[in-house]
Amino acid sequence: MRDDRFAYFLNAVHYCIWRGDIRVRLFFDKIMGGFLLVFSTIFLSKRYKARLYAHVANHEKETYDYFYNKKTGFHIRWASYRAISFYLCYVACIAFLLEGILYKTVGLISSSLFGMVLITPIWLCYMPANEAIFADDRYLKYFKEFEKMDKSWHRKWVMITWAFCVGGILAFFGGIIALFAIAIGWNNVHLPFSGY
């Protein structure tokens, strides 16, 4: 790995989420293309079929830019949002633990203090992640590097990305459960799936 492992890791996760989005989109494009071909063959006359294909061809570049542009495209924005969100789920878990400890030691706290203790670690951890991925479009440089990697690298990082995303969700909900367990005691926490 590189010297900056944090940036490398976040950019690799970001890249894998982005690639996964594009693969899903291409799959649905094939389905929609097949549906459009069958629909046009069955229901449209030759004249309307030609107009439909001309319309699709005329707007193909705009559609491509809208979805696949690496700076402003739909997929890069959606992947960026999710990569940061999964990362912040881990930070939220720590913030929830701090909330539980604060409640246990101090007692009832005001909503403004609750919000400040929750938001402060999230904001402090968001800034380095934002810097690692988006400062000077750093992710584009990493994407160029990642596109040259072999299939085994891609397989490995797809598995790491899945584990990171699922782990973030589990950490978030685990943090909420831990907040209540610390604040009011584990014996008073009744989970719906636990059976008691």
N, C-alpha and C. Protein backbone atom coordinates (compact mmCIF):
# COMPACT_ATOMS: atom_id res chain seq x y z
N MET A 1 0.84 -1.20 0.00
CA MET A 1 0.00 0.00 0.00
C MET A 1 0.87 1.25 0.00
N ARG A 2 0.20 2.37 -0.04
CA ARG A 2 0.89 3.64 -0.10
C ARG A 2 1.19 4.17 1.29
N ASP A 3 1.81 5.34 1.33
CA ASP A 3 2.11 5.97 2.61
C ASP A 3 0.84 6.38 3.33
N ASP A 4 -0.12 6.91 2.60
CA ASP A 4 -1.36 7.38 3.20
C ASP A 4 -2.42 6.28 3.10
N ARG A 5 -2.40 5.35 4.02
CA ARG A 5 -3.29 4.19 3.97
C ARG A 5 -4.76 4.57 4.14
N PHE A 6 -5.01 5.58 4.95
CA PHE A 6 -6.38 6.05 5.17
C PHE A 6 -7.00 6.52 3.86
N ALA A 7 -6.28 7.38 3.12
CA ALA A 7 -6.79 7.89 1.84
C ALA A 7 -6.91 6.75 0.82
N TYR A 8 -5.94 5.86 0.78
CA TYR A 8 -5.99 4.74 -0.15
C TYR A 8 -7.21 3.88 0.12
N PHE A 9 -7.43 3.55 1.40
CA PHE A 9 -8.56 2.70 1.78
C PHE A 9 -9.89 3.35 1.40
N LEU A 10 -10.10 4.61 1.79
CA LEU A 10 -11.36 5.28 1.49
C LEU A 10 -11.58 5.43 -0.01
N ASN A 11 -10.53 5.73 -0.75
CA ASN A 11 -10.67 5.87 -2.20
C ASN A 11 -10.92 4.53 -2.87
N ALA A 12 -10.34 3.47 -2.35
CA ALA A 12 -10.61 2.13 -2.91
C ALA A 12 -12.07 1.73 -2.66
N VAL A 13 -12.57 2.02 -1.47
CA VAL A 13 -13.98 1.73 -1.16
C VAL A 13 -14.89 2.57 -2.05
N HIS A 14 -14.57 3.85 -2.17
CA HIS A 14 -15.33 4.76 -3.03
C HIS A 14 -15.35 4.26 -4.48
N TYR A 15 -14.20 3.83 -4.96
CA TYR A 15 -14.08 3.31 -6.32
C TYR A 15 -14.93 2.06 -6.52
N CYS A 16 -14.90 1.15 -5.56
CA CYS A 16 -15.67 -0.10 -5.69
C CYS A 16 -17.18 0.16 -5.64
N ILE A 17 -17.60 1.10 -4.80
CA ILE A 17 -19.02 1.46 -4.77
C ILE A 17 -19.43 2.06 -6.11
N TRP A 18 -18.59 2.94 -6.64
CA TRP A 18 -18.87 3.57 -7.94
C TRP A 18 -18.94 2.53 -9.06
N ARG A 19 -17.99 1.63 -9.10
CA ARG A 19 -18.00 0.57 -10.12
C ARG A 19 -19.22 -0.33 -9.99
N GLY A 20 -19.59 -0.64 -8.76
CA GLY A 20 -20.78 -1.46 -8.54
C GLY A 20 -22.03 -0.78 -9.05
N ASP A 21 -22.13 0.53 -8.82
CA ASP A 21 -23.27 1.29 -9.34
C ASP A 21 -23.33 1.22 -10.86
N ILE A 22 -22.19 1.36 -11.49
CA ILE A 22 -22.15 1.33 -12.96
C ILE A 22 -22.53 -0.05 -13.47
N ARG A 23 -22.08 -1.09 -12.81
CA ARG A 23 -22.45 -2.45 -13.24
C ARG A 23 -23.95 -2.69 -13.14
N VAL A 24 -24.53 -2.23 -12.05
CA VAL A 24 -25.98 -2.37 -11.88
C VAL A 24 -26.70 -1.58 -12.97
N ARG A 25 -26.23 -0.37 -13.24
CA ARG A 25 -26.84 0.47 -14.28
C ARG A 25 -26.75 -0.21 -15.66
N LEU A 26 -25.60 -0.76 -15.99
CA LEU A 26 -25.45 -1.43 -17.29
C LEU A 26 -26.37 -2.64 -17.40
N PHE A 27 -26.55 -3.37 -16.30
CA PHE A 27 -27.46 -4.51 -16.29
C PHE A 27 -28.89 -4.05 -16.60
N PHE A 28 -29.33 -2.98 -15.91
CA PHE A 28 -30.69 -2.48 -16.16
C PHE A 28 -30.82 -1.84 -17.54
N ASP A 29 -29.74 -1.27 -18.05
CA ASP A 29 -29.77 -0.73 -19.41
C ASP A 29 -30.00 -1.85 -20.44
N LYS A 30 -29.37 -2.99 -20.21
CA LYS A 30 -29.58 -4.13 -21.12
C LYS A 30 -31.04 -4.60 -21.07
N ILE A 31 -31.59 -4.66 -19.87
CA ILE A 31 -32.99 -5.08 -19.73
C ILE A 31 -33.91 -4.07 -20.42
N MET A 32 -33.68 -2.78 -20.15
CA MET A 32 -34.52 -1.75 -20.76
C MET A 32 -34.34 -1.69 -22.27
N GLY A 33 -33.11 -1.89 -22.73
CA GLY A 33 -32.86 -1.93 -24.17
C GLY A 33 -33.60 -3.08 -24.84
N GLY A 34 -33.57 -4.24 -24.20
CA GLY A 34 -34.31 -5.39 -24.73
C GLY A 34 -35.80 -5.14 -24.74
N PHE A 35 -36.31 -4.56 -23.66
CA PHE A 35 -37.73 -4.23 -23.59
C PHE A 35 -38.10 -3.22 -24.68
N LEU A 36 -37.26 -2.21 -24.87
CA LEU A 36 -37.52 -1.19 -25.89
C LEU A 36 -37.50 -1.81 -27.29
N LEU A 37 -36.59 -2.74 -27.54
CA LEU A 37 -36.51 -3.41 -28.83
C LEU A 37 -37.77 -4.23 -29.08
N VAL A 38 -38.19 -5.01 -28.08
CA VAL A 38 -39.40 -5.83 -28.23
C VAL A 38 -40.63 -4.94 -28.41
N PHE A 39 -40.73 -3.89 -27.58
CA PHE A 39 -41.86 -2.96 -27.65
C PHE A 39 -41.94 -2.30 -29.02
N SER A 40 -40.79 -1.80 -29.50
CA SER A 40 -40.80 -1.11 -30.79
C SER A 40 -41.09 -2.08 -31.94
N THR A 41 -40.63 -3.31 -31.84
CA THR A 41 -40.88 -4.29 -32.89
C THR A 41 -42.36 -4.66 -32.95
N ILE A 42 -42.99 -4.81 -31.80
CA ILE A 42 -44.38 -5.26 -31.76
C ILE A 42 -45.35 -4.12 -32.01
N PHE A 43 -45.14 -2.98 -31.36
CA PHE A 43 -46.17 -1.95 -31.33
C PHE A 43 -45.94 -0.74 -32.24
N LEU A 44 -44.75 -0.52 -32.73
CA LEU A 44 -44.50 0.70 -33.51
C LEU A 44 -44.33 0.41 -34.99
N SER A 45 -44.79 1.35 -35.76
CA SER A 45 -44.57 1.25 -37.20
C SER A 45 -43.11 1.60 -37.49
N LYS A 46 -42.70 1.36 -38.73
CA LYS A 46 -41.30 1.64 -39.09
C LYS A 46 -40.97 3.11 -38.91
N ARG A 47 -41.93 3.98 -39.21
CA ARG A 47 -41.69 5.42 -39.10
C ARG A 47 -41.45 5.83 -37.64
N TYR A 48 -42.30 5.36 -36.73
CA TYR A 48 -42.15 5.71 -35.33
C TYR A 48 -40.94 5.02 -34.70
N LYS A 49 -40.65 3.82 -35.19
CA LYS A 49 -39.47 3.12 -34.69
C LYS A 49 -38.20 3.90 -35.06
N ALA A 50 -38.16 4.42 -36.27
CA ALA A 50 -37.01 5.23 -36.71
C ALA A 50 -36.90 6.51 -35.88
N ARG A 51 -38.05 7.13 -35.58
CA ARG A 51 -38.04 8.35 -34.76
C ARG A 51 -37.56 8.05 -33.34
N LEU A 52 -38.00 6.91 -32.79
CA LEU A 52 -37.58 6.53 -31.44
C LEU A 52 -36.08 6.31 -31.40
N TYR A 53 -35.53 5.56 -32.35
CA TYR A 53 -34.10 5.29 -32.36
C TYR A 53 -33.29 6.56 -32.60
N ALA A 54 -33.81 7.46 -33.43
CA ALA A 54 -33.12 8.74 -33.66
C ALA A 54 -33.10 9.57 -32.38
N HIS A 55 -34.21 9.57 -31.66
CA HIS A 55 -34.29 10.31 -30.39
C HIS A 55 -33.29 9.75 -29.37
N VAL A 56 -33.23 8.43 -29.28
CA VAL A 56 -32.30 7.80 -28.34
C VAL A 56 -30.86 8.12 -28.74
N ALA A 57 -30.56 8.05 -30.03
CA ALA A 57 -29.20 8.35 -30.49
C ALA A 57 -28.83 9.80 -30.25
N ASN A 58 -29.77 10.72 -30.43
CA ASN A 58 -29.49 12.15 -30.25
C ASN A 58 -29.20 12.49 -28.79
N HIS A 59 -29.82 11.78 -27.87
CA HIS A 59 -29.66 12.09 -26.45
C HIS A 59 -28.70 11.15 -25.73
N GLU A 60 -28.02 10.31 -26.50
CA GLU A 60 -27.13 9.32 -25.89
C GLU A 60 -25.96 9.98 -25.16
N LYS A 61 -25.34 11.01 -25.75
CA LYS A 61 -24.21 11.68 -25.10
C LYS A 61 -24.64 12.39 -23.82
N GLU A 62 -25.79 13.07 -23.86
CA GLU A 62 -26.29 13.74 -22.65
C GLU A 62 -26.56 12.73 -21.54
N THR A 63 -27.18 11.62 -21.92
CA THR A 63 -27.48 10.58 -20.95
C THR A 63 -26.21 9.99 -20.38
N TYR A 64 -25.23 9.75 -21.25
CA TYR A 64 -23.96 9.20 -20.79
C TYR A 64 -23.29 10.16 -19.80
N ASP A 65 -23.22 11.44 -20.14
CA ASP A 65 -22.61 12.42 -19.25
C ASP A 65 -23.36 12.52 -17.93
N TYR A 66 -24.67 12.48 -17.98
CA TYR A 66 -25.46 12.59 -16.76
C TYR A 66 -25.15 11.45 -15.79
N PHE A 67 -25.00 10.25 -16.31
CA PHE A 67 -24.78 9.10 -15.44
C PHE A 67 -23.31 8.81 -15.16
N TYR A 68 -22.44 8.93 -16.15
CA TYR A 68 -21.09 8.39 -16.03
C TYR A 68 -19.98 9.41 -15.91
N ASN A 69 -20.26 10.70 -15.94
CA ASN A 69 -19.22 11.70 -15.78
C ASN A 69 -18.57 11.52 -14.41
N LYS A 70 -17.23 11.45 -14.38
CA LYS A 70 -16.53 11.15 -13.13
C LYS A 70 -16.48 12.32 -12.17
N LYS A 71 -16.84 13.51 -12.62
CA LYS A 71 -16.83 14.66 -11.71
C LYS A 71 -18.23 15.05 -11.25
N THR A 72 -19.19 15.02 -12.17
CA THR A 72 -20.53 15.50 -11.84
C THR A 72 -21.63 14.48 -12.10
N GLY A 73 -21.27 13.29 -12.52
CA GLY A 73 -22.27 12.29 -12.89
C GLY A 73 -23.06 11.76 -11.70
N PHE A 74 -24.19 11.21 -12.02
CA PHE A 74 -25.09 10.66 -11.00
C PHE A 74 -24.40 9.59 -10.18
N HIS A 75 -23.69 8.67 -10.84
CA HIS A 75 -23.09 7.54 -10.14
C HIS A 75 -21.96 7.98 -9.20
N ILE A 76 -21.16 8.95 -9.60
CA ILE A 76 -20.08 9.38 -8.72
C ILE A 76 -20.63 10.13 -7.51
N ARG A 77 -21.68 10.91 -7.71
CA ARG A 77 -22.27 11.63 -6.57
C ARG A 77 -22.91 10.65 -5.60
N TRP A 78 -23.62 9.68 -6.12
CA TRP A 78 -24.30 8.70 -5.28
C TRP A 78 -23.27 7.82 -4.56
N ALA A 79 -22.20 7.42 -5.25
CA ALA A 79 -21.14 6.61 -4.62
C ALA A 79 -20.41 7.42 -3.54
N SER A 80 -20.18 8.69 -3.80
CA SER A 80 -19.51 9.54 -2.81
C SER A 80 -20.35 9.67 -1.55
N TYR A 81 -21.62 9.88 -1.74
CA TYR A 81 -22.53 10.00 -0.60
C TYR A 81 -22.52 8.72 0.24
N ARG A 82 -22.59 7.58 -0.41
CA ARG A 82 -22.64 6.32 0.33
C ARG A 82 -21.31 5.98 0.99
N ALA A 83 -20.20 6.24 0.31
CA ALA A 83 -18.89 5.95 0.91
C ALA A 83 -18.70 6.75 2.20
N ILE A 84 -19.03 8.03 2.15
CA ILE A 84 -18.90 8.87 3.35
C ILE A 84 -19.91 8.43 4.42
N SER A 85 -21.12 8.08 4.01
CA SER A 85 -22.14 7.66 4.98
C SER A 85 -21.74 6.39 5.72
N PHE A 86 -21.22 5.40 5.00
CA PHE A 86 -20.79 4.17 5.66
C PHE A 86 -19.61 4.43 6.59
N TYR A 87 -18.70 5.30 6.18
CA TYR A 87 -17.58 5.68 7.04
C TYR A 87 -18.08 6.35 8.32
N LEU A 88 -19.04 7.26 8.16
CA LEU A 88 -19.55 7.99 9.32
C LEU A 88 -20.40 7.11 10.24
N CYS A 89 -20.88 5.99 9.75
CA CYS A 89 -21.60 5.05 10.62
C CYS A 89 -20.69 4.55 11.75
N TYR A 90 -19.42 4.30 11.42
CA TYR A 90 -18.47 3.87 12.45
C TYR A 90 -18.25 4.98 13.48
N VAL A 91 -18.14 6.20 13.00
CA VAL A 91 -17.93 7.34 13.90
C VAL A 91 -19.18 7.55 14.76
N ALA A 92 -20.36 7.37 14.17
CA ALA A 92 -21.60 7.52 14.93
C ALA A 92 -21.67 6.49 16.05
N CYS A 93 -21.15 5.30 15.82
CA CYS A 93 -21.11 4.27 16.87
C CYS A 93 -20.31 4.77 18.06
N ILE A 94 -19.15 5.37 17.79
CA ILE A 94 -18.33 5.92 18.88
C ILE A 94 -19.06 7.07 19.57
N ALA A 95 -19.73 7.91 18.78
CA ALA A 95 -20.49 9.03 19.36
C ALA A 95 -21.62 8.51 20.25
N PHE A 96 -22.29 7.45 19.83
CA PHE A 96 -23.35 6.87 20.66
C PHE A 96 -22.79 6.31 21.96
N LEU A 97 -21.62 5.68 21.89
CA LEU A 97 -20.98 5.17 23.10
C LEU A 97 -20.66 6.32 24.06
N LEU A 98 -20.15 7.42 23.52
CA LEU A 98 -19.87 8.60 24.35
C LEU A 98 -21.15 9.14 24.98
N GLU A 99 -22.24 9.15 24.21
CA GLU A 99 -23.53 9.61 24.74
C GLU A 99 -23.99 8.74 25.90
N GLY A 100 -23.85 7.43 25.75
CA GLY A 100 -24.25 6.51 26.81
C GLY A 100 -23.41 6.70 28.07
N ILE A 101 -22.11 6.86 27.89
CA ILE A 101 -21.23 7.07 29.04
C ILE A 101 -21.56 8.41 29.72
N LEU A 102 -21.79 9.44 28.92
CA LEU A 102 -22.14 10.75 29.47
C LEU A 102 -23.44 10.68 30.25
N TYR A 103 -24.42 10.01 29.70
CA TYR A 103 -25.71 9.88 30.39
C TYR A 103 -25.57 9.09 31.69
N LYS A 104 -24.75 8.03 31.63
CA LYS A 104 -24.56 7.19 32.82
C LYS A 104 -23.84 7.95 33.93
N THR A 105 -22.87 8.79 33.58
CA THR A 105 -22.10 9.49 34.61
C THR A 105 -22.77 10.77 35.09
N VAL A 106 -23.41 11.53 34.18
CA VAL A 106 -23.99 12.82 34.53
C VAL A 106 -25.47 12.71 34.84
N GLY A 107 -26.14 11.80 34.21
CA GLY A 107 -27.59 11.71 34.34
C GLY A 107 -28.26 12.37 33.15
N LEU A 108 -29.45 12.84 33.36
CA LEU A 108 -30.22 13.46 32.29
C LEU A 108 -29.48 14.67 31.74
N ILE A 109 -29.29 14.72 30.42
CA ILE A 109 -28.57 15.83 29.80
C ILE A 109 -29.52 16.58 28.87
N SER A 110 -29.17 17.83 28.58
CA SER A 110 -30.01 18.65 27.70
C SER A 110 -29.87 18.17 26.26
N SER A 111 -30.86 18.49 25.46
CA SER A 111 -30.82 18.07 24.06
C SER A 111 -29.70 18.76 23.29
N SER A 112 -29.36 19.99 23.67
CA SER A 112 -28.26 20.69 22.98
C SER A 112 -26.92 20.02 23.28
N LEU A 113 -26.71 19.59 24.53
CA LEU A 113 -25.47 18.87 24.86
C LEU A 113 -25.45 17.51 24.18
N PHE A 114 -26.60 16.85 24.14
CA PHE A 114 -26.71 15.56 23.44
C PHE A 114 -26.31 15.73 21.98
N GLY A 115 -26.87 16.76 21.32
CA GLY A 115 -26.56 17.01 19.91
C GLY A 115 -25.10 17.37 19.70
N MET A 116 -24.53 18.17 20.62
CA MET A 116 -23.14 18.57 20.48
C MET A 116 -22.20 17.38 20.62
N VAL A 117 -22.48 16.49 21.57
CA VAL A 117 -21.63 15.31 21.77
C VAL A 117 -21.78 14.36 20.59
N LEU A 118 -22.93 14.34 19.97
CA LEU A 118 -23.16 13.47 18.81
C LEU A 118 -22.51 14.04 17.55
N ILE A 119 -22.68 15.33 17.31
CA ILE A 119 -22.22 15.95 16.07
C ILE A 119 -20.71 16.19 16.05
N THR A 120 -20.12 16.53 17.19
CA THR A 120 -18.70 16.90 17.21
C THR A 120 -17.78 15.80 16.69
N PRO A 121 -17.86 14.55 17.18
CA PRO A 121 -16.97 13.52 16.61
C PRO A 121 -17.25 13.24 15.14
N ILE A 122 -18.53 13.31 14.77
CA ILE A 122 -18.87 13.06 13.35
C ILE A 122 -18.24 14.14 12.48
N TRP A 123 -18.35 15.39 12.90
CA TRP A 123 -17.78 16.49 12.10
C TRP A 123 -16.25 16.40 12.06
N LEU A 124 -15.64 16.11 13.21
CA LEU A 124 -14.18 16.03 13.26
C LEU A 124 -13.64 14.89 12.40
N CYS A 125 -14.37 13.80 12.31
CA CYS A 125 -13.93 12.67 11.48
C CYS A 125 -14.32 12.82 10.02
N TYR A 126 -15.34 13.63 9.75
CA TYR A 126 -15.75 13.86 8.36
C TYR A 126 -14.69 14.66 7.61
N MET A 127 -14.10 15.63 8.27
CA MET A 127 -13.14 16.52 7.58
C MET A 127 -11.95 15.77 6.98
N PRO A 128 -11.27 14.87 7.73
CA PRO A 128 -10.15 14.16 7.09
C PRO A 128 -10.60 13.21 5.96
N ALA A 129 -11.79 12.64 6.10
CA ALA A 129 -12.29 11.76 5.03
C ALA A 129 -12.61 12.58 3.78
N ASN A 130 -13.22 13.72 3.97
CA ASN A 130 -13.51 14.60 2.85
C ASN A 130 -12.21 15.04 2.17
N GLU A 131 -11.22 15.36 2.97
CA GLU A 131 -9.91 15.77 2.44
C GLU A 131 -9.25 14.60 1.68
N ALA A 132 -9.35 13.39 2.22
CA ALA A 132 -8.71 12.23 1.61
C ALA A 132 -9.32 11.86 0.26
N ILE A 133 -10.61 12.12 0.09
CA ILE A 133 -11.28 11.71 -1.15
C ILE A 133 -11.45 12.88 -2.12
N PHE A 134 -11.97 13.99 -1.64
CA PHE A 134 -12.47 15.02 -2.55
C PHE A 134 -11.58 16.24 -2.73
N ALA A 135 -10.60 16.45 -1.87
CA ALA A 135 -9.74 17.63 -2.02
C ALA A 135 -8.99 17.55 -3.35
N ASP A 136 -9.11 18.59 -4.15
CA ASP A 136 -8.46 18.66 -5.47
C ASP A 136 -8.81 17.45 -6.34
N ASP A 137 -10.01 16.95 -6.20
CA ASP A 137 -10.46 15.77 -6.95
C ASP A 137 -9.45 14.62 -6.85
N ARG A 138 -8.99 14.38 -5.63
CA ARG A 138 -7.98 13.35 -5.38
C ARG A 138 -8.46 11.98 -5.83
N TYR A 139 -9.75 11.72 -5.72
CA TYR A 139 -10.27 10.40 -6.08
C TYR A 139 -10.03 10.08 -7.55
N LEU A 140 -9.98 11.09 -8.42
CA LEU A 140 -9.74 10.84 -9.84
C LEU A 140 -8.35 10.24 -10.07
N LYS A 141 -7.37 10.71 -9.31
CA LYS A 141 -6.02 10.16 -9.43
C LYS A 141 -6.00 8.71 -8.95
N TYR A 142 -6.69 8.45 -7.85
CA TYR A 142 -6.78 7.07 -7.36
C TYR A 142 -7.54 6.19 -8.34
N PHE A 143 -8.61 6.71 -8.92
CA PHE A 143 -9.39 5.92 -9.88
C PHE A 143 -8.54 5.48 -11.05
N LYS A 144 -7.69 6.37 -11.56
CA LYS A 144 -6.80 6.01 -12.67
C LYS A 144 -5.87 4.87 -12.26
N GLU A 145 -5.38 4.95 -11.03
CA GLU A 145 -4.50 3.89 -10.52
C GLU A 145 -5.26 2.58 -10.35
N PHE A 146 -6.47 2.65 -9.82
CA PHE A 146 -7.25 1.44 -9.55
C PHE A 146 -7.72 0.77 -10.84
N GLU A 147 -7.97 1.54 -11.88
CA GLU A 147 -8.42 0.96 -13.15
C GLU A 147 -7.34 0.07 -13.77
N LYS A 148 -6.08 0.30 -13.43
CA LYS A 148 -4.98 -0.49 -13.98
C LYS A 148 -4.75 -1.78 -13.21
N MET A 149 -5.40 -1.93 -12.06
CA MET A 149 -5.18 -3.11 -11.22
C MET A 149 -5.82 -4.35 -11.86
N ASP A 150 -5.29 -5.51 -11.47
CA ASP A 150 -5.79 -6.76 -12.05
C ASP A 150 -7.08 -7.22 -11.36
N LYS A 151 -7.62 -8.33 -11.87
CA LYS A 151 -8.91 -8.84 -11.37
C LYS A 151 -8.83 -9.26 -9.91
N SER A 152 -7.72 -9.81 -9.48
CA SER A 152 -7.61 -10.26 -8.09
C SER A 152 -7.67 -9.06 -7.14
N TRP A 153 -7.07 -7.94 -7.53
CA TRP A 153 -7.15 -6.73 -6.71
C TRP A 153 -8.60 -6.26 -6.61
N HIS A 154 -9.29 -6.26 -7.76
CA HIS A 154 -10.69 -5.82 -7.77
C HIS A 154 -11.56 -6.75 -6.92
N ARG A 155 -11.37 -8.06 -7.03
CA ARG A 155 -12.15 -9.00 -6.23
C ARG A 155 -11.91 -8.77 -4.74
N LYS A 156 -10.65 -8.61 -4.39
CA LYS A 156 -10.30 -8.38 -2.98
C LYS A 156 -10.97 -7.11 -2.46
N TRP A 157 -10.91 -6.04 -3.21
CA TRP A 157 -11.46 -4.77 -2.72
C TRP A 157 -12.98 -4.73 -2.78
N VAL A 158 -13.59 -5.50 -3.65
CA VAL A 158 -15.05 -5.59 -3.63
C VAL A 158 -15.49 -6.28 -2.34
N MET A 159 -14.78 -7.33 -1.94
CA MET A 159 -15.11 -8.01 -0.69
C MET A 159 -14.86 -7.10 0.51
N ILE A 160 -13.76 -6.36 0.49
CA ILE A 160 -13.47 -5.41 1.58
C ILE A 160 -14.55 -4.33 1.63
N THR A 161 -14.98 -3.86 0.47
CA THR A 161 -16.01 -2.82 0.42
C THR A 161 -17.32 -3.34 0.99
N TRP A 162 -17.71 -4.54 0.61
CA TRP A 162 -18.94 -5.13 1.16
C TRP A 162 -18.83 -5.25 2.68
N ALA A 163 -17.70 -5.74 3.16
CA ALA A 163 -17.52 -5.88 4.60
C ALA A 163 -17.55 -4.52 5.29
N PHE A 164 -16.94 -3.52 4.67
CA PHE A 164 -16.93 -2.17 5.23
C PHE A 164 -18.35 -1.60 5.33
N CYS A 165 -19.13 -1.77 4.27
CA CYS A 165 -20.50 -1.23 4.24
C CYS A 165 -21.40 -1.94 5.24
N VAL A 166 -21.37 -3.25 5.25
CA VAL A 166 -22.19 -4.02 6.19
C VAL A 166 -21.73 -3.75 7.62
N GLY A 167 -20.43 -3.68 7.82
CA GLY A 167 -19.90 -3.37 9.14
C GLY A 167 -20.32 -1.98 9.62
N GLY A 168 -20.39 -1.00 8.70
CA GLY A 168 -20.84 0.33 9.07
C GLY A 168 -22.28 0.34 9.54
N ILE A 169 -23.13 -0.40 8.84
CA ILE A 169 -24.54 -0.48 9.24
C ILE A 169 -24.67 -1.16 10.60
N LEU A 170 -23.94 -2.27 10.77
CA LEU A 170 -23.97 -2.98 12.06
C LEU A 170 -23.41 -2.11 13.19
N ALA A 171 -22.35 -1.37 12.90
CA ALA A 171 -21.76 -0.48 13.92
C ALA A 171 -22.74 0.61 14.32
N PHE A 172 -23.46 1.16 13.34
CA PHE A 172 -24.42 2.23 13.63
C PHE A 172 -25.51 1.72 14.58
N PHE A 173 -26.15 0.60 14.22
CA PHE A 173 -27.22 0.07 15.06
C PHE A 173 -26.67 -0.51 16.36
N GLY A 174 -25.47 -1.08 16.31
CA GLY A 174 -24.83 -1.54 17.54
C GLY A 174 -24.53 -0.39 18.49
N GLY A 175 -24.16 0.76 17.93
CA GLY A 175 -23.92 1.94 18.75
C GLY A 175 -25.18 2.43 19.43
N ILE A 176 -26.30 2.38 18.71
CA ILE A 176 -27.58 2.78 19.32
C ILE A 176 -27.95 1.83 20.45
N ILE A 177 -27.79 0.52 20.21
CA ILE A 177 -28.09 -0.47 21.25
C ILE A 177 -27.15 -0.26 22.44
N ALA A 178 -25.87 0.00 22.16
CA ALA A 178 -24.90 0.22 23.25
C ALA A 178 -25.24 1.48 24.03
N LEU A 179 -25.72 2.51 23.34
CA LEU A 179 -26.13 3.74 24.02
C LEU A 179 -27.18 3.43 25.09
N PHE A 180 -28.21 2.71 24.70
CA PHE A 180 -29.26 2.36 25.65
C PHE A 180 -28.78 1.39 26.71
N ALA A 181 -27.93 0.45 26.30
CA ALA A 181 -27.42 -0.53 27.27
C ALA A 181 -26.57 0.14 28.34
N ILE A 182 -25.75 1.11 27.95
CA ILE A 182 -24.91 1.82 28.92
C ILE A 182 -25.77 2.76 29.75
N ALA A 183 -26.67 3.49 29.10
CA ALA A 183 -27.44 4.53 29.78
C ALA A 183 -28.45 3.96 30.77
N ILE A 184 -29.19 2.94 30.37
CA ILE A 184 -30.27 2.45 31.25
C ILE A 184 -30.02 1.05 31.77
N GLY A 185 -28.92 0.45 31.37
CA GLY A 185 -28.60 -0.90 31.85
C GLY A 185 -29.06 -1.96 30.87
N TRP A 186 -28.23 -2.96 30.68
CA TRP A 186 -28.52 -4.00 29.69
C TRP A 186 -29.77 -4.78 30.03
N ASN A 187 -30.08 -4.95 31.30
CA ASN A 187 -31.27 -5.71 31.69
C ASN A 187 -32.56 -5.01 31.27
N ASN A 188 -32.50 -3.71 31.06
CA ASN A 188 -33.69 -2.96 30.67
C ASN A 188 -33.83 -2.79 29.16
N VAL A 189 -32.89 -3.31 28.39
CA VAL A 189 -32.94 -3.22 26.94
C VAL A 189 -33.56 -4.51 26.41
N HIS A 190 -34.69 -4.39 25.70
CA HIS A 190 -35.37 -5.54 25.13
C HIS A 190 -35.39 -5.40 23.62
N LEU A 191 -34.61 -6.23 22.96
CA LEU A 191 -34.53 -6.18 21.51
C LEU A 191 -35.67 -7.00 20.91
N PRO A 192 -36.24 -6.54 19.81
CA PRO A 192 -37.39 -7.25 19.23
C PRO A 192 -37.05 -8.65 18.73
N PHE A 193 -35.80 -8.90 18.35
CA PHE A 193 -35.43 -10.19 17.79
C PHE A 193 -34.76 -11.10 18.81
N SER A 194 -34.62 -10.65 20.06
CA SER A 194 -33.90 -11.43 21.04
C SER A 194 -34.75 -12.52 21.71
N GLY A 195 -36.08 -12.38 21.72
CA GLY A 195 -36.92 -13.42 22.25
C GLY A 195 -37.24 -13.30 23.72
N TYR A 196 -36.82 -12.23 24.37
CA TYR A 196 -37.20 -12.08 25.78
C TYR A 196 -37.69 -10.69 26.04
